[in-house]
């Protein structure tokens, strides 16, 4: 599979040629002023719904990777749950016009609803 870079000018002047190349060679990268901007990918035989689901999964993975990279950059990647809870409480307390939240007591364990068998 050959991935090529295609300018927006080429795409606008020769769309049929670009689309034929996508179908024959696979994904193509569209550039604007030399910067990758979009991917042109042929539709799969599975149908448009499957393609859209795949693209949504890709966007989710991109968002997760961006959040993880930001966490590493900010130095918050190795916070434990107690530190996260403390950060949330501090942020809420710093909001203007909102009272600080009181710590909620832990929830009691749920009682089993199973009944004992009759003897």
PDB file of N, CA and C in Angstrom:
ATOM      1  N   UNK A   1       0.856  -1.164   0.000  1.00  0.00           N
ATOM      2  CA  UNK A   1       0.000   0.000   0.000  1.00  0.00           C
ATOM      3  C   UNK A   1       0.903   1.229   0.000  1.00  0.00           C
ATOM      4  N   UNK A   2       0.656   2.133  -0.922  1.00  0.00           N
ATOM      5  CA  UNK A   2       1.463   3.335  -1.073  1.00  0.00           C
ATOM      6  C   UNK A   2       0.659   4.545  -0.633  1.00  0.00           C
ATOM      7  N   UNK A   3       1.146   5.244   0.384  1.00  0.00           N
ATOM      8  CA  UNK A   3       0.466   6.451   0.840  1.00  0.00           C
ATOM      9  C   UNK A   3       1.163   7.640   0.200  1.00  0.00           C
ATOM     10  N   UNK A   4       0.388   8.451  -0.496  1.00  0.00           N
ATOM     11  CA  UNK A   4       0.937   9.615  -1.179  1.00  0.00           C
ATOM     12  C   UNK A   4       0.380  10.881  -0.553  1.00  0.00           C
ATOM     13  N   UNK A   5       1.122  11.972  -0.710  1.00  0.00           N
ATOM     14  CA  UNK A   5       0.676  13.283  -0.276  1.00  0.00           C
ATOM     15  C   UNK A   5       0.109  14.003  -1.481  1.00  0.00           C
ATOM     16  N   UNK A   6      -1.084  14.554  -1.323  1.00  0.00           N
ATOM     17  CA  UNK A   6      -1.777  15.234  -2.416  1.00  0.00           C
ATOM     18  C   UNK A   6      -2.131  16.633  -1.939  1.00  0.00           C
ATOM     19  N   UNK A   7      -1.831  17.627  -2.765  1.00  0.00           N
ATOM     20  CA  UNK A   7      -2.182  18.992  -2.394  1.00  0.00           C
ATOM     21  C   UNK A   7      -3.662  19.240  -2.659  1.00  0.00           C
ATOM     22  N   UNK A   8      -4.214  20.210  -1.980  1.00  0.00           N
ATOM     23  CA  UNK A   8      -5.617  20.555  -2.221  1.00  0.00           C
ATOM     24  C   UNK A   8      -5.805  21.044  -3.653  1.00  0.00           C
ATOM     25  N   UNK A   9      -4.779  21.674  -4.195  1.00  0.00           N
ATOM     26  CA  UNK A   9      -4.858  22.135  -5.590  1.00  0.00           C
ATOM     27  C   UNK A   9      -5.003  20.950  -6.530  1.00  0.00           C
ATOM     28  N   UNK A  10      -4.180  19.898  -6.326  1.00  0.00           N
ATOM     29  CA  UNK A  10      -4.271  18.706  -7.169  1.00  0.00           C
ATOM     30  C   UNK A  10      -5.643  18.054  -7.018  1.00  0.00           C
ATOM     31  N   UNK A  11      -6.125  17.998  -5.786  1.00  0.00           N
ATOM     32  CA  UNK A  11      -7.442  17.395  -5.545  1.00  0.00           C
ATOM     33  C   UNK A  11      -8.541  18.183  -6.252  1.00  0.00           C
ATOM     34  N   UNK A  12      -8.454  19.506  -6.226  1.00  0.00           N
ATOM     35  CA  UNK A  12      -9.502  20.309  -6.864  1.00  0.00           C
ATOM     36  C   UNK A  12      -9.417  20.285  -8.385  1.00  0.00           C
ATOM     37  N   UNK A  13      -8.212  20.146  -8.932  1.00  0.00           N
ATOM     38  CA  UNK A  13      -8.050  20.153 -10.390  1.00  0.00           C
ATOM     39  C   UNK A  13      -8.254  18.779 -11.024  1.00  0.00           C
ATOM     40  N   UNK A  14      -7.934  17.704 -10.284  1.00  0.00           N
ATOM     41  CA  UNK A  14      -8.029  16.357 -10.837  1.00  0.00           C
ATOM     42  C   UNK A  14      -8.685  15.385  -9.845  1.00  0.00           C
ATOM     43  N   UNK A  15      -9.919  15.654  -9.435  1.00  0.00           N
ATOM     44  CA  UNK A  15     -10.537  14.796  -8.418  1.00  0.00           C
ATOM     45  C   UNK A  15     -10.721  13.347  -8.868  1.00  0.00           C
ATOM     46  N   UNK A  16     -11.089  13.126 -10.113  1.00  0.00           N
ATOM     47  CA  UNK A  16     -11.290  11.750 -10.583  1.00  0.00           C
ATOM     48  C   UNK A  16      -9.986  10.967 -10.534  1.00  0.00           C
ATOM     49  N   UNK A  17      -8.896  11.582 -10.912  1.00  0.00           N
ATOM     50  CA  UNK A  17      -7.593  10.924 -10.897  1.00  0.00           C
ATOM     51  C   UNK A  17      -7.176  10.594  -9.453  1.00  0.00           C
ATOM     52  N   UNK A  18      -7.394  11.535  -8.546  1.00  0.00           N
ATOM     53  CA  UNK A  18      -7.052  11.313  -7.138  1.00  0.00           C
ATOM     54  C   UNK A  18      -7.895  10.181  -6.559  1.00  0.00           C
ATOM     55  N   UNK A  19      -9.192  10.185  -6.827  1.00  0.00           N
ATOM     56  CA  UNK A  19     -10.072   9.132  -6.306  1.00  0.00           C
ATOM     57  C   UNK A  19      -9.713   7.767  -6.878  1.00  0.00           C
ATOM     58  N   UNK A  20      -9.330   7.717  -8.143  1.00  0.00           N
ATOM     59  CA  UNK A  20      -8.905   6.445  -8.742  1.00  0.00           C
ATOM     60  C   UNK A  20      -7.640   5.949  -8.061  1.00  0.00           C
ATOM     61  N   UNK A  21      -6.736   6.861  -7.749  1.00  0.00           N
ATOM     62  CA  UNK A  21      -5.498   6.481  -7.062  1.00  0.00           C
ATOM     63  C   UNK A  21      -5.799   5.962  -5.658  1.00  0.00           C
ATOM     64  N   UNK A  22      -6.768   6.562  -4.976  1.00  0.00           N
ATOM     65  CA  UNK A  22      -7.154   6.090  -3.644  1.00  0.00           C
ATOM     66  C   UNK A  22      -7.690   4.672  -3.735  1.00  0.00           C
ATOM     67  N   UNK A  23      -8.541   4.447  -4.701  1.00  0.00           N
ATOM     68  CA  UNK A  23      -9.135   3.114  -4.863  1.00  0.00           C
ATOM     69  C   UNK A  23      -8.072   2.072  -5.197  1.00  0.00           C
ATOM     70  N   UNK A  24      -7.106   2.455  -6.027  1.00  0.00           N
ATOM     71  CA  UNK A  24      -6.087   1.517  -6.485  1.00  0.00           C
ATOM     72  C   UNK A  24      -4.953   1.340  -5.470  1.00  0.00           C
ATOM     73  N   UNK A  25      -4.465   2.448  -4.892  1.00  0.00           N
ATOM     74  CA  UNK A  25      -3.257   2.399  -4.067  1.00  0.00           C
ATOM     75  C   UNK A  25      -3.507   2.510  -2.560  1.00  0.00           C
ATOM     76  N   UNK A  26      -4.688   2.926  -2.169  1.00  0.00           N
ATOM     77  CA  UNK A  26      -4.964   3.048  -0.744  1.00  0.00           C
ATOM     78  C   UNK A  26      -5.007   4.494  -0.279  1.00  0.00           C
ATOM     79  N   UNK A  27      -4.949   4.701   1.031  1.00  0.00           N
ATOM     80  CA  UNK A  27      -5.127   6.033   1.608  1.00  0.00           C
ATOM     81  C   UNK A  27      -4.153   7.073   1.043  1.00  0.00           C
ATOM     82  N   UNK A  28      -4.649   8.279   0.909  1.00  0.00           N
ATOM     83  CA  UNK A  28      -3.853   9.412   0.438  1.00  0.00           C
ATOM     84  C   UNK A  28      -3.990  10.526   1.481  1.00  0.00           C
ATOM     85  N   UNK A  29      -2.945  11.296   1.663  1.00  0.00           N
ATOM     86  CA  UNK A  29      -2.949  12.373   2.642  1.00  0.00           C
ATOM     87  C   UNK A  29      -3.097  13.693   1.904  1.00  0.00           C
ATOM     88  N   UNK A  30      -4.108  14.470   2.294  1.00  0.00           N
ATOM     89  CA  UNK A  30      -4.355  15.766   1.691  1.00  0.00           C
ATOM     90  C   UNK A  30      -3.585  16.812   2.494  1.00  0.00           C
ATOM     91  N   UNK A  31      -2.848  17.672   1.800  1.00  0.00           N
ATOM     92  CA  UNK A  31      -2.074  18.708   2.485  1.00  0.00           C
ATOM     93  C   UNK A  31      -2.581  20.098   2.110  1.00  0.00           C
ATOM     94  N   UNK A  32      -2.451  21.008   3.073  1.00  0.00           N
ATOM     95  CA  UNK A  32      -2.732  22.421   2.857  1.00  0.00           C
ATOM     96  C   UNK A  32      -1.468  23.163   3.262  1.00  0.00           C
ATOM     97  N   UNK A  33      -0.881  23.862   2.335  1.00  0.00           N
ATOM     98  CA  UNK A  33       0.381  24.563   2.581  1.00  0.00           C
ATOM     99  C   UNK A  33       1.450  23.626   3.150  1.00  0.00           C
ATOM    100  N   UNK A  34       1.482  22.400   2.626  1.00  0.00           N
ATOM    101  CA  UNK A  34       2.499  21.434   3.029  1.00  0.00           C
ATOM    102  C   UNK A  34       2.221  20.697   4.322  1.00  0.00           C
ATOM    103  N   UNK A  35       1.123  21.030   5.000  1.00  0.00           N
ATOM    104  CA  UNK A  35       0.790  20.383   6.275  1.00  0.00           C
ATOM    105  C   UNK A  35      -0.320  19.348   6.070  1.00  0.00           C
ATOM    106  N   UNK A  36      -0.141  18.120   6.577  1.00  0.00           N
ATOM    107  CA  UNK A  36      -1.211  17.119   6.483  1.00  0.00           C
ATOM    108  C   UNK A  36      -2.483  17.637   7.148  1.00  0.00           C
ATOM    109  N   UNK A  37      -3.594  17.541   6.431  1.00  0.00           N
ATOM    110  CA  UNK A  37      -4.857  18.077   6.919  1.00  0.00           C
ATOM    111  C   UNK A  37      -5.955  17.026   6.975  1.00  0.00           C
ATOM    112  N   UNK A  38      -5.951  16.110   6.017  1.00  0.00           N
ATOM    113  CA  UNK A  38      -7.012  15.110   5.961  1.00  0.00           C
ATOM    114  C   UNK A  38      -6.490  13.854   5.281  1.00  0.00           C
ATOM    115  N   UNK A  39      -7.234  12.774   5.480  1.00  0.00           N
ATOM    116  CA  UNK A  39      -6.916  11.502   4.838  1.00  0.00           C
ATOM    117  C   UNK A  39      -8.049  11.166   3.901  1.00  0.00           C
ATOM    118  N   UNK A  40      -7.695  10.702   2.752  1.00  0.00           N
ATOM    119  CA  UNK A  40      -8.675  10.248   1.784  1.00  0.00           C
ATOM    120  C   UNK A  40      -8.560   8.732   1.725  1.00  0.00           C
ATOM    121  N   UNK A  41      -9.632   8.049   2.091  1.00  0.00           N
ATOM    122  CA  UNK A  41      -9.623   6.592   2.205  1.00  0.00           C
ATOM    123  C   UNK A  41     -10.799   6.033   1.416  1.00  0.00           C
ATOM    124  N   UNK A  42     -10.556   4.962   0.693  1.00  0.00           N
ATOM    125  CA  UNK A  42     -11.632   4.319  -0.077  1.00  0.00           C
ATOM    126  C   UNK A  42     -12.629   3.663   0.876  1.00  0.00           C
ATOM    127  N   UNK A  43     -13.879   3.639   0.455  1.00  0.00           N
ATOM    128  CA  UNK A  43     -14.918   2.969   1.232  1.00  0.00           C
ATOM    129  C   UNK A  43     -14.646   1.465   1.226  1.00  0.00           C
ATOM    130  N   UNK A  44     -14.967   0.818   2.339  1.00  0.00           N
ATOM    131  CA  UNK A  44     -14.734  -0.627   2.421  1.00  0.00           C
ATOM    132  C   UNK A  44     -15.949  -1.384   1.915  1.00  0.00           C
ATOM    133  N   UNK A  45     -15.782  -2.657   1.608  1.00  0.00           N
ATOM    134  CA  UNK A  45     -16.926  -3.462   1.165  1.00  0.00           C
ATOM    135  C   UNK A  45     -17.897  -3.774   2.307  1.00  0.00           C
ATOM    136  N   UNK A  46     -17.529  -3.443   3.539  1.00  0.00           N
ATOM    137  CA  UNK A  46     -18.402  -3.730   4.681  1.00  0.00           C
ATOM    138  C   UNK A  46     -19.584  -2.775   4.774  1.00  0.00           C
ATOM    139  N   UNK A  47     -19.516  -1.656   4.078  1.00  0.00           N
ATOM    140  CA  UNK A  47     -20.615  -0.700   4.094  1.00  0.00           C
ATOM    141  C   UNK A  47     -20.255   0.564   4.856  1.00  0.00           C
ATOM    142  N   UNK A  48     -21.025   1.595   4.598  1.00  0.00           N
ATOM    143  CA  UNK A  48     -20.737   2.905   5.156  1.00  0.00           C
ATOM    144  C   UNK A  48     -20.850   2.931   6.678  1.00  0.00           C
ATOM    145  N   UNK A  49     -21.803   2.178   7.247  1.00  0.00           N
ATOM    146  CA  UNK A  49     -21.960   2.161   8.697  1.00  0.00           C
ATOM    147  C   UNK A  49     -20.714   1.595   9.374  1.00  0.00           C
ATOM    148  N   UNK A  50     -20.173   0.527   8.818  1.00  0.00           N
ATOM    149  CA  UNK A  50     -18.953  -0.070   9.374  1.00  0.00           C
ATOM    150  C   UNK A  50     -17.780   0.891   9.245  1.00  0.00           C
ATOM    151  N   UNK A  51     -17.701   1.603   8.123  1.00  0.00           N
ATOM    152  CA  UNK A  51     -16.627   2.577   7.929  1.00  0.00           C
ATOM    153  C   UNK A  51     -16.742   3.711   8.942  1.00  0.00           C
ATOM    154  N   UNK A  52     -17.956   4.196   9.167  1.00  0.00           N
ATOM    155  CA  UNK A  52     -18.161   5.282  10.123  1.00  0.00           C
ATOM    156  C   UNK A  52     -17.813   4.819  11.536  1.00  0.00           C
ATOM    157  N   UNK A  53     -18.194   3.600  11.895  1.00  0.00           N
ATOM    158  CA  UNK A  53     -17.826   3.060  13.209  1.00  0.00           C
ATOM    159  C   UNK A  53     -16.308   2.984  13.359  1.00  0.00           C
ATOM    160  N   UNK A  54     -15.639   2.552  12.312  1.00  0.00           N
ATOM    161  CA  UNK A  54     -14.178   2.481  12.337  1.00  0.00           C
ATOM    162  C   UNK A  54     -13.567   3.863  12.517  1.00  0.00           C
ATOM    163  N   UNK A  55     -14.104   4.847  11.795  1.00  0.00           N
ATOM    164  CA  UNK A  55     -13.592   6.210  11.917  1.00  0.00           C
ATOM    165  C   UNK A  55     -13.856   6.785  13.306  1.00  0.00           C
ATOM    166  N   UNK A  56     -15.003   6.471  13.886  1.00  0.00           N
ATOM    167  CA  UNK A  56     -15.285   6.924  15.260  1.00  0.00           C
ATOM    168  C   UNK A  56     -14.294   6.309  16.240  1.00  0.00           C
ATOM    169  N   UNK A  57     -13.970   5.044  16.034  1.00  0.00           N
ATOM    170  CA  UNK A  57     -12.979   4.388  16.885  1.00  0.00           C
ATOM    171  C   UNK A  57     -11.616   5.053  16.750  1.00  0.00           C
ATOM    172  N   UNK A  58     -11.262   5.429  15.532  1.00  0.00           N
ATOM    173  CA  UNK A  58     -10.005   6.138  15.298  1.00  0.00           C
ATOM    174  C   UNK A  58      -9.998   7.466  16.035  1.00  0.00           C
ATOM    175  N   UNK A  59     -11.078   8.232  15.930  1.00  0.00           N
ATOM    176  CA  UNK A  59     -11.149   9.534  16.609  1.00  0.00           C
ATOM    177  C   UNK A  59     -11.072   9.357  18.127  1.00  0.00           C
ATOM    178  N   UNK A  60     -11.693   8.304  18.647  1.00  0.00           N
ATOM    179  CA  UNK A  60     -11.617   8.027  20.080  1.00  0.00           C
ATOM    180  C   UNK A  60     -10.179   7.733  20.490  1.00  0.00           C
ATOM    181  N   UNK A  61      -9.481   6.913  19.704  1.00  0.00           N
ATOM    182  CA  UNK A  61      -8.077   6.609  20.020  1.00  0.00           C
ATOM    183  C   UNK A  61      -7.204   7.856  19.918  1.00  0.00           C
ATOM    184  N   UNK A  62      -7.496   8.727  18.952  1.00  0.00           N
ATOM    185  CA  UNK A  62      -6.753   9.980  18.838  1.00  0.00           C
ATOM    186  C   UNK A  62      -6.975  10.861  20.062  1.00  0.00           C
ATOM    187  N   UNK A  63      -8.221  10.955  20.514  1.00  0.00           N
ATOM    188  CA  UNK A  63      -8.534  11.773  21.693  1.00  0.00           C
ATOM    189  C   UNK A  63      -7.868  11.198  22.935  1.00  0.00           C
ATOM    190  N   UNK A  64      -7.884   9.881  23.076  1.00  0.00           N
ATOM    191  CA  UNK A  64      -7.241   9.239  24.223  1.00  0.00           C
ATOM    192  C   UNK A  64      -5.738   9.484  24.200  1.00  0.00           C
ATOM    193  N   UNK A  65      -5.113   9.340  23.046  1.00  0.00           N
ATOM    194  CA  UNK A  65      -3.673   9.581  22.930  1.00  0.00           C
ATOM    195  C   UNK A  65      -3.340  11.032  23.263  1.00  0.00           C
ATOM    196  N   UNK A  66      -4.178  11.971  22.821  1.00  0.00           N
ATOM    197  CA  UNK A  66      -3.946  13.385  23.126  1.00  0.00           C
ATOM    198  C   UNK A  66      -4.075  13.639  24.621  1.00  0.00           C
ATOM    199  N   UNK A  67      -5.084  13.013  25.268  1.00  0.00           N
ATOM    200  CA  UNK A  67      -5.264  13.187  26.715  1.00  0.00           C
ATOM    201  C   UNK A  67      -4.090  12.589  27.477  1.00  0.00           C
ATOM    202  N   UNK A  68      -3.606  11.432  27.031  1.00  0.00           N
ATOM    203  CA  UNK A  68      -2.455  10.815  27.691  1.00  0.00           C
ATOM    204  C   UNK A  68      -1.197  11.667  27.521  1.00  0.00           C
ATOM    205  N   UNK A  69      -1.002  12.214  26.343  1.00  0.00           N
ATOM    206  CA  UNK A  69       0.164  13.067  26.101  1.00  0.00           C
ATOM    207  C   UNK A  69       0.086  14.331  26.964  1.00  0.00           C
ATOM    208  N   UNK A  70      -1.090  14.907  27.084  1.00  0.00           N
ATOM    209  CA  UNK A  70      -1.265  16.097  27.926  1.00  0.00           C
ATOM    210  C   UNK A  70      -1.020  15.761  29.388  1.00  0.00           C
ATOM    211  N   UNK A  71      -1.459  14.593  29.819  1.00  0.00           N
ATOM    212  CA  UNK A  71      -1.229  14.157  31.197  1.00  0.00           C
ATOM    213  C   UNK A  71       0.265  13.998  31.475  1.00  0.00           C
ATOM    214  N   UNK A  72       0.991  13.438  30.530  1.00  0.00           N
ATOM    215  CA  UNK A  72       2.441  13.314  30.685  1.00  0.00           C
ATOM    216  C   UNK A  72       3.103  14.694  30.721  1.00  0.00           C
ATOM    217  N   UNK A  73       2.655  15.586  29.832  1.00  0.00           N
ATOM    218  CA  UNK A  73       3.220  16.925  29.773  1.00  0.00           C
ATOM    219  C   UNK A  73       2.969  17.693  31.071  1.00  0.00           C
ATOM    220  N   UNK A  74       1.783  17.527  31.627  1.00  0.00           N
ATOM    221  CA  UNK A  74       1.404  18.248  32.840  1.00  0.00           C
ATOM    222  C   UNK A  74       1.940  17.588  34.106  1.00  0.00           C
ATOM    223  N   UNK A  75       2.498  16.389  33.978  1.00  0.00           N
ATOM    224  CA  UNK A  75       3.029  15.691  35.143  1.00  0.00           C
ATOM    225  C   UNK A  75       1.971  15.039  36.006  1.00  0.00           C
ATOM    226  N   UNK A  76       0.822  14.764  35.418  1.00  0.00           N
ATOM    227  CA  UNK A  76      -0.273  14.156  36.182  1.00  0.00           C
ATOM    228  C   UNK A  76      -0.520  12.700  35.815  1.00  0.00           C
ATOM    229  N   UNK A  77       0.365  12.113  35.041  1.00  0.00           N
ATOM    230  CA  UNK A  77       0.141  10.759  34.545  1.00  0.00           C
ATOM    231  C   UNK A  77       0.185   9.706  35.639  1.00  0.00           C
ATOM    232  N   UNK A  78       0.894   9.979  36.734  1.00  0.00           N
ATOM    233  CA  UNK A  78       1.034   8.946  37.764  1.00  0.00           C
ATOM    234  C   UNK A  78       0.312   9.293  39.065  1.00  0.00           C
ATOM    235  N   UNK A  79      -0.733  10.121  38.983  1.00  0.00           N
ATOM    236  CA  UNK A  79      -1.514  10.432  40.177  1.00  0.00           C
ATOM    237  C   UNK A  79      -2.329   9.219  40.601  1.00  0.00           C
ATOM    238  N   UNK A  80      -2.430   9.011  41.914  1.00  0.00           N
ATOM    239  CA  UNK A  80      -3.299   7.938  42.387  1.00  0.00           C
ATOM    240  C   UNK A  80      -4.701   8.509  42.615  1.00  0.00           C
ATOM    241  N   UNK A  81      -5.658   7.649  42.953  1.00  0.00           N
ATOM    242  CA  UNK A  81      -7.052   8.065  43.080  1.00  0.00           C
ATOM    243  C   UNK A  81      -7.223   9.126  44.170  1.00  0.00           C
ATOM    244  N   UNK A  82      -6.497   9.001  45.276  1.00  0.00           N
ATOM    245  CA  UNK A  82      -6.609   9.985  46.355  1.00  0.00           C
ATOM    246  C   UNK A  82      -6.144  11.359  45.871  1.00  0.00           C
ATOM    247  N   UNK A  83      -5.059  11.412  45.105  1.00  0.00           N
ATOM    248  CA  UNK A  83      -4.560  12.686  44.585  1.00  0.00           C
ATOM    249  C   UNK A  83      -5.530  13.282  43.578  1.00  0.00           C
ATOM    250  N   UNK A  84      -6.151  12.439  42.775  1.00  0.00           N
ATOM    251  CA  UNK A  84      -7.140  12.917  41.810  1.00  0.00           C
ATOM    252  C   UNK A  84      -8.339  13.503  42.543  1.00  0.00           C
ATOM    253  N   UNK A  85      -8.822  12.799  43.570  1.00  0.00           N
ATOM    254  CA  UNK A  85      -9.950  13.302  44.361  1.00  0.00           C
ATOM    255  C   UNK A  85      -9.600  14.631  45.028  1.00  0.00           C
ATOM    256  N   UNK A  86      -8.387  14.759  45.545  1.00  0.00           N
ATOM    257  CA  UNK A  86      -7.955  15.999  46.184  1.00  0.00           C
ATOM    258  C   UNK A  86      -7.910  17.134  45.154  1.00  0.00           C
ATOM    259  N   UNK A  87      -7.432  16.856  43.952  1.00  0.00           N
ATOM    260  CA  UNK A  87      -7.377  17.871  42.901  1.00  0.00           C
ATOM    261  C   UNK A  87      -8.773  18.327  42.507  1.00  0.00           C
ATOM    262  N   UNK A  88      -9.698  17.396  42.395  1.00  0.00           N
ATOM    263  CA  UNK A  88     -11.079  17.738  42.062  1.00  0.00           C
ATOM    264  C   UNK A  88     -11.679  18.607  43.160  1.00  0.00           C
ATOM    265  N   UNK A  89     -11.480  18.224  44.420  1.00  0.00           N
ATOM    266  CA  UNK A  89     -12.020  18.999  45.541  1.00  0.00           C
ATOM    267  C   UNK A  89     -11.429  20.403  45.565  1.00  0.00           C
ATOM    268  N   UNK A  90     -10.137  20.528  45.332  1.00  0.00           N
ATOM    269  CA  UNK A  90      -9.492  21.852  45.333  1.00  0.00           C
ATOM    270  C   UNK A  90     -10.031  22.724  44.202  1.00  0.00           C
ATOM    271  N   UNK A  91     -10.240  22.138  43.041  1.00  0.00           N
ATOM    272  CA  UNK A  91     -10.774  22.893  41.902  1.00  0.00           C
ATOM    273  C   UNK A  91     -12.195  23.351  42.182  1.00  0.00           C
ATOM    274  N   UNK A  92     -13.004  22.476  42.747  1.00  0.00           N
ATOM    275  CA  UNK A  92     -14.378  22.852  43.078  1.00  0.00           C
ATOM    276  C   UNK A  92     -14.408  23.941  44.142  1.00  0.00           C
ATOM    277  N   UNK A  93     -13.535  23.854  45.129  1.00  0.00           N
ATOM    278  CA  UNK A  93     -13.496  24.852  46.201  1.00  0.00           C
ATOM    279  C   UNK A  93     -13.061  26.213  45.665  1.00  0.00           C
ATOM    280  N   UNK A  94     -12.262  26.230  44.610  1.00  0.00           N
ATOM    281  CA  UNK A  94     -11.754  27.484  44.058  1.00  0.00           C
ATOM    282  C   UNK A  94     -12.758  28.167  43.128  1.00  0.00           C
ATOM    283  N   UNK A  95     -13.852  27.519  42.814  1.00  0.00           N
ATOM    284  CA  UNK A  95     -14.844  28.127  41.930  1.00  0.00           C
ATOM    285  C   UNK A  95     -15.516  29.287  42.654  1.00  0.00           C
ATOM    286  N   UNK A  96     -15.654  30.418  41.983  1.00  0.00           N
ATOM    287  CA  UNK A  96     -16.294  31.565  42.633  1.00  0.00           C
ATOM    288  C   UNK A  96     -17.783  31.313  42.864  1.00  0.00           C
ATOM    289  N   UNK A  97     -18.249  31.709  44.050  1.00  0.00           N
ATOM    290  CA  UNK A  97     -19.671  31.607  44.344  1.00  0.00           C
ATOM    291  C   UNK A  97     -20.172  30.220  44.651  1.00  0.00           C
ATOM    292  N   UNK A  98     -19.276  29.276  44.812  1.00  0.00           N
ATOM    293  CA  UNK A  98     -19.708  27.917  45.129  1.00  0.00           C
ATOM    294  C   UNK A  98     -19.070  27.487  46.431  1.00  0.00           C
ATOM    295  N   UNK A  99     -19.865  26.990  47.328  1.00  0.00           N
ATOM    296  CA  UNK A  99     -19.284  26.520  48.591  1.00  0.00           C
ATOM    297  C   UNK A  99     -18.473  25.246  48.368  1.00  0.00           C
ATOM    298  N   UNK A 100     -17.469  25.081  49.189  1.00  0.00           N
ATOM    299  CA  UNK A 100     -16.658  23.859  49.099  1.00  0.00           C
ATOM    300  C   UNK A 100     -17.536  22.674  49.474  1.00  0.00           C
ATOM    301  N   UNK A 101     -17.355  21.592  48.767  1.00  0.00           N
ATOM    302  CA  UNK A 101     -18.134  20.386  49.056  1.00  0.00           C
ATOM    303  C   UNK A 101     -17.629  19.716  50.309  1.00  0.00           C
ATOM    304  N   UNK A 102     -18.562  19.287  51.126  1.00  0.00           N
ATOM    305  CA  UNK A 102     -18.172  18.508  52.298  1.00  0.00           C
ATOM    306  C   UNK A 102     -17.886  17.086  51.848  1.00  0.00           C
ATOM    307  N   UNK A 103     -16.978  16.474  52.555  1.00  0.00           N
ATOM    308  CA  UNK A 103     -16.661  15.082  52.230  1.00  0.00           C
ATOM    309  C   UNK A 103     -17.887  14.231  52.509  1.00  0.00           C
ATOM    310  N   UNK A 104     -18.228  13.413  51.569  1.00  0.00           N
ATOM    311  CA  UNK A 104     -19.380  12.527  51.747  1.00  0.00           C
ATOM    312  C   UNK A 104     -18.920  11.257  52.433  1.00  0.00           C
ATOM    313  N   UNK A 105     -19.727  10.757  53.374  1.00  0.00           N
ATOM    314  CA  UNK A 105     -19.350   9.495  54.009  1.00  0.00           C
ATOM    315  C   UNK A 105     -19.452   8.368  53.003  1.00  0.00           C
ATOM    316  N   UNK A 106     -18.666   7.324  53.186  1.00  0.00           N
ATOM    317  CA  UNK A 106     -18.744   6.204  52.240  1.00  0.00           C
ATOM    318  C   UNK A 106     -20.126   5.580  52.260  1.00  0.00           C
ATOM    319  N   UNK A 107     -20.537   5.086  51.124  1.00  0.00           N
ATOM    320  CA  UNK A 107     -21.847   4.428  51.030  1.00  0.00           C
ATOM    321  C   UNK A 107     -21.811   3.098  51.766  1.00  0.00           C
ATOM    322  N   UNK A 108     -22.894   2.792  52.467  1.00  0.00           N
ATOM    323  CA  UNK A 108     -22.927   1.480  53.124  1.00  0.00           C
ATOM    324  C   UNK A 108     -23.054   0.379  52.075  1.00  0.00           C
ATOM    325  N   UNK A 109     -22.548  -0.783  52.420  1.00  0.00           N
ATOM    326  CA  UNK A 109     -22.646  -1.928  51.511  1.00  0.00           C
ATOM    327  C   UNK A 109     -24.111  -2.281  51.331  1.00  0.00           C
ATOM    328  N   UNK A 110     -24.455  -2.689  50.140  1.00  0.00           N
ATOM    329  CA  UNK A 110     -25.848  -3.064  49.866  1.00  0.00           C
ATOM    330  C   UNK A 110     -26.150  -4.410  50.486  1.00  0.00           C
ATOM    331  N   UNK A 111     -27.323  -4.491  51.051  1.00  0.00           N
ATOM    332  CA  UNK A 111     -27.753  -5.762  51.637  1.00  0.00           C
ATOM    333  C   UNK A 111     -28.180  -6.692  50.532  1.00  0.00           C
ATOM    334  N   UNK A 112     -27.903  -7.942  50.742  1.00  0.00           N
ATOM    335  CA  UNK A 112     -28.271  -8.948  49.758  1.00  0.00           C
ATOM    336  C   UNK A 112     -29.786  -9.098  49.755  1.00  0.00           C
ATOM    337  N   UNK A 113     -30.356  -9.218  48.571  1.00  0.00           N
ATOM    338  CA  UNK A 113     -31.800  -9.397  48.456  1.00  0.00           C
ATOM    339  C   UNK A 113     -32.167 -10.868  48.304  1.00  0.00           C
ATOM    340  N   UNK A 114     -31.158 -11.705  48.330  1.00  0.00           N
ATOM    341  CA  UNK A 114     -31.417 -13.149  48.197  1.00  0.00           C
ATOM    342  C   UNK A 114     -32.124 -13.639  49.464  1.00  0.00           C
ATOM    343  N   UNK A 115     -33.063 -14.528  49.273  1.00  0.00           N
ATOM    344  CA  UNK A 115     -33.773 -15.098  50.427  1.00  0.00           C
ATOM    345  C   UNK A 115     -33.235 -16.464  50.760  1.00  0.00           C
ATOM    346  N   UNK A 116     -33.347 -16.797  52.037  1.00  0.00           N
ATOM    347  CA  UNK A 116     -32.875 -18.117  52.445  1.00  0.00           C
ATOM    348  C   UNK A 116     -33.905 -19.151  52.014  1.00  0.00           C
ATOM    349  N   UNK A 117     -33.414 -20.324  51.625  1.00  0.00           N
ATOM    350  CA  UNK A 117     -34.368 -21.369  51.220  1.00  0.00           C
ATOM    351  C   UNK A 117     -35.156 -21.862  52.459  1.00  0.00           C
ATOM    352  N   UNK A 118     -36.410 -22.180  52.237  1.00  0.00           N
ATOM    353  CA  UNK A 118     -37.261 -22.668  53.333  1.00  0.00           C
ATOM    354  C   UNK A 118     -36.760 -24.024  53.798  1.00  0.00           C
ATOM    355  N   UNK A 119     -36.770 -24.221  55.137  1.00  0.00           N
ATOM    356  CA  UNK A 119     -36.271 -25.473  55.708  1.00  0.00           C
ATOM    357  C   UNK A 119     -37.350 -26.511  55.797  1.00  0.00           C
TER     358      UNK A 119
END
